[in-house]
Amino acid sequence: MGVETVAIEIDNDLAALLRQPDRSVRDSVHDLIVTALYRRGGISRGKAAELLGMPLDAFLRHASSLGIPYVAYSEAEWAAEKRSVQEMAASLRPSATPVR
C-alpha cells in the first residue's frame, strides 16, 4: 500500500483537543478519518479495521465505543428484514395437518 503525504493546517485549539497522552495528533486524525468513512458507509468494517491496523473484533468494539452501531438499517431495510424473519419462522412451524 502506498503512502501519500497530505499537509493539513489546524489551529492550536483543535490540535490540543486531538492530542492524547498515548497517541500522536496524526494517529488521532487518521482514526477520525477512518471511523468517519466507516460511519457514512464509505468503507466496510473490514477495510476500516485494516486501515487502523487492528483485528475486526477490536475495530467493532472501538466503533461501538464511539457510538457507531454495528448494524444500521433504514426503515425500509428493517421492514424487509423483519418480513424475511417472520416468513422464515412461519415456514418452520409444524403444520396443523397431522402426519399419517
C-alpha atoms as a PDB file:
ATOM      1  CA  MET A   1       0.000   0.000   0.000  1.00  0.00           C
ATOM      2  CA  GLY A   2       1.431   3.365  -0.999  1.00  0.00           C
ATOM      3  CA  VAL A   3       1.534   6.404   1.190  1.00  0.00           C
ATOM      4  CA  GLU A   4       0.523   9.872   0.148  1.00  0.00           C
ATOM      5  CA  THR A   5       1.503  12.781   2.321  1.00  0.00           C
ATOM      6  CA  VAL A   6      -1.091  15.498   2.776  1.00  0.00           C
ATOM      7  CA  ALA A   7      -0.398  18.538   4.923  1.00  0.00           C
ATOM      8  CA  ILE A   8      -3.384  19.912   6.820  1.00  0.00           C
ATOM      9  CA  GLU A   9      -3.150  23.040   8.907  1.00  0.00           C
ATOM     10  CA  ILE A  10      -5.158  23.006  12.108  1.00  0.00           C
ATOM     11  CA  ASP A  11      -5.214  25.637  14.781  1.00  0.00           C
ATOM     12  CA  ASN A  12      -3.686  25.072  18.201  1.00  0.00           C
ATOM     13  CA  ASP A  13      -7.070  24.705  19.924  1.00  0.00           C
ATOM     14  CA  LEU A  14      -8.080  21.831  17.634  1.00  0.00           C
ATOM     15  CA  ALA A  15      -4.643  20.222  17.939  1.00  0.00           C
ATOM     16  CA  ALA A  16      -4.985  20.355  21.723  1.00  0.00           C
ATOM     17  CA  LEU A  17      -8.353  18.587  21.504  1.00  0.00           C
ATOM     18  CA  LEU A  18      -6.870  15.886  19.274  1.00  0.00           C
ATOM     19  CA  ARG A  19      -3.783  15.337  21.424  1.00  0.00           C
ATOM     20  CA  GLN A  20      -3.959  12.278  23.657  1.00  0.00           C
ATOM     21  CA  PRO A  21      -1.330  11.048  26.122  1.00  0.00           C
ATOM     22  CA  ASP A  22      -0.714   7.762  24.279  1.00  0.00           C
ATOM     23  CA  ARG A  23      -1.284   8.874  20.656  1.00  0.00           C
ATOM     24  CA  SER A  24       0.061  11.419  18.233  1.00  0.00           C
ATOM     25  CA  VAL A  25      -2.201  14.023  16.657  1.00  0.00           C
ATOM     26  CA  ARG A  26      -1.506  12.311  13.324  1.00  0.00           C
ATOM     27  CA  ASP A  27      -2.798   8.972  14.662  1.00  0.00           C
ATOM     28  CA  SER A  28      -5.867  10.632  16.175  1.00  0.00           C
ATOM     29  CA  VAL A  29      -6.698  12.328  12.860  1.00  0.00           C
ATOM     30  CA  HIS A  30      -6.153   9.056  10.980  1.00  0.00           C
ATOM     31  CA  ASP A  31      -8.557   7.286  13.356  1.00  0.00           C
ATOM     32  CA  LEU A  32     -11.156  10.036  12.953  1.00  0.00           C
ATOM     33  CA  ILE A  33     -10.986   9.890   9.158  1.00  0.00           C
ATOM     34  CA  VAL A  34     -11.278   6.095   9.021  1.00  0.00           C
ATOM     35  CA  THR A  35     -14.155   5.933  11.517  1.00  0.00           C
ATOM     36  CA  ALA A  36     -15.972   8.773   9.720  1.00  0.00           C
ATOM     37  CA  LEU A  37     -15.651   6.925   6.411  1.00  0.00           C
ATOM     38  CA  TYR A  38     -16.991   3.755   8.052  1.00  0.00           C
ATOM     39  CA  ARG A  39     -19.847   5.623   9.772  1.00  0.00           C
ATOM     40  CA  ARG A  40     -21.075   7.108   6.485  1.00  0.00           C
ATOM     41  CA  GLY A  41     -20.734   3.805   4.609  1.00  0.00           C
ATOM     42  CA  GLY A  42     -17.702   4.813   2.553  1.00  0.00           C
ATOM     43  CA  ILE A  43     -15.694   1.755   3.617  1.00  0.00           C
ATOM     44  CA  SER A  44     -16.507  -1.652   5.073  1.00  0.00           C
ATOM     45  CA  ARG A  45     -15.798  -2.615   8.664  1.00  0.00           C
ATOM     46  CA  GLY A  46     -13.099  -4.981   7.391  1.00  0.00           C
ATOM     47  CA  LYS A  47     -11.387  -2.192   5.458  1.00  0.00           C
ATOM     48  CA  ALA A  48     -11.650   0.143   8.452  1.00  0.00           C
ATOM     49  CA  ALA A  49     -10.050  -2.473  10.705  1.00  0.00           C
ATOM     50  CA  GLU A  50      -7.285  -2.982   8.140  1.00  0.00           C
ATOM     51  CA  LEU A  51      -6.620   0.759   7.823  1.00  0.00           C
ATOM     52  CA  LEU A  52      -6.418   1.096  11.600  1.00  0.00           C
ATOM     53  CA  GLY A  53      -4.196  -1.975  11.898  1.00  0.00           C
ATOM     54  CA  MET A  54      -6.466  -3.862  14.255  1.00  0.00           C
ATOM     55  CA  PRO A  55      -8.403  -7.131  14.192  1.00  0.00           C
ATOM     56  CA  LEU A  56     -12.046  -6.864  13.116  1.00  0.00           C
ATOM     57  CA  ASP A  57     -13.419  -7.631  16.575  1.00  0.00           C
ATOM     58  CA  ALA A  58     -11.239  -4.899  18.095  1.00  0.00           C
ATOM     59  CA  PHE A  59     -12.432  -2.423  15.471  1.00  0.00           C
ATOM     60  CA  LEU A  60     -16.076  -3.307  16.160  1.00  0.00           C
ATOM     61  CA  ARG A  61     -15.546  -2.691  19.881  1.00  0.00           C
ATOM     62  CA  HIS A  62     -13.750   0.574  19.060  1.00  0.00           C
ATOM     63  CA  ALA A  63     -16.551   1.727  16.733  1.00  0.00           C
ATOM     64  CA  SER A  64     -19.150   0.766  19.327  1.00  0.00           C
ATOM     65  CA  SER A  65     -17.326   2.815  21.967  1.00  0.00           C
ATOM     66  CA  LEU A  66     -17.684   5.794  19.602  1.00  0.00           C
ATOM     67  CA  GLY A  67     -21.437   5.210  19.279  1.00  0.00           C
ATOM     68  CA  ILE A  68     -21.235   3.738  15.781  1.00  0.00           C
ATOM     69  CA  PRO A  69     -23.801   0.932  15.503  1.00  0.00           C
ATOM     70  CA  TYR A  70     -22.735  -2.492  14.232  1.00  0.00           C
ATOM     71  CA  VAL A  71     -25.797  -2.613  12.003  1.00  0.00           C
ATOM     72  CA  ALA A  72     -27.609   0.459  10.708  1.00  0.00           C
ATOM     73  CA  TYR A  73     -30.832  -0.303   8.858  1.00  0.00           C
ATOM     74  CA  SER A  74     -33.040   2.212   7.127  1.00  0.00           C
ATOM     75  CA  GLU A  75     -36.753   1.852   7.930  1.00  0.00           C
ATOM     76  CA  ALA A  76     -37.326   0.078   4.597  1.00  0.00           C
ATOM     77  CA  GLU A  77     -34.396  -2.299   5.175  1.00  0.00           C
ATOM     78  CA  TRP A  78     -35.608  -3.059   8.709  1.00  0.00           C
ATOM     79  CA  ALA A  79     -39.154  -3.776   7.454  1.00  0.00           C
ATOM     80  CA  ALA A  80     -37.805  -6.119   4.753  1.00  0.00           C
ATOM     81  CA  GLU A  81     -35.587  -7.911   7.274  1.00  0.00           C
ATOM     82  CA  LYS A  82     -38.495  -8.282   9.701  1.00  0.00           C
ATOM     83  CA  ARG A  83     -40.728  -9.731   6.962  1.00  0.00           C
ATOM     84  CA  SER A  84     -37.999 -12.155   5.968  1.00  0.00           C
ATOM     85  CA  VAL A  85     -37.565 -13.395   9.536  1.00  0.00           C
ATOM     86  CA  GLN A  86     -41.348 -13.741  10.011  1.00  0.00           C
ATOM     87  CA  GLU A  87     -41.637 -15.738   6.774  1.00  0.00           C
ATOM     88  CA  MET A  88     -38.756 -17.970   7.816  1.00  0.00           C
ATOM     89  CA  ALA A  89     -40.301 -18.541  11.250  1.00  0.00           C
ATOM     90  CA  ALA A  90     -43.684 -19.351   9.681  1.00  0.00           C
ATOM     91  CA  SER A  91     -42.087 -21.931   7.377  1.00  0.00           C
ATOM     92  CA  LEU A  92     -40.507 -23.670  10.381  1.00  0.00           C
ATOM     93  CA  ARG A  93     -43.738 -24.004  12.364  1.00  0.00           C
ATOM     94  CA  PRO A  94     -45.243 -27.504  12.377  1.00  0.00           C
ATOM     95  CA  SER A  95     -48.151 -27.974  10.057  1.00  0.00           C
ATOM     96  CA  ALA A  96     -51.682 -28.115  11.525  1.00  0.00           C
ATOM     97  CA  THR A  97     -52.323 -31.228   9.429  1.00  0.00           C
ATOM     98  CA  PRO A  98     -51.413 -34.411  11.333  1.00  0.00           C
ATOM     99  CA  VAL A  99     -48.882 -36.706   9.679  1.00  0.00           C
ATOM    100  CA  ARG A 100     -50.205 -40.223   8.997  1.00  0.00           C
END
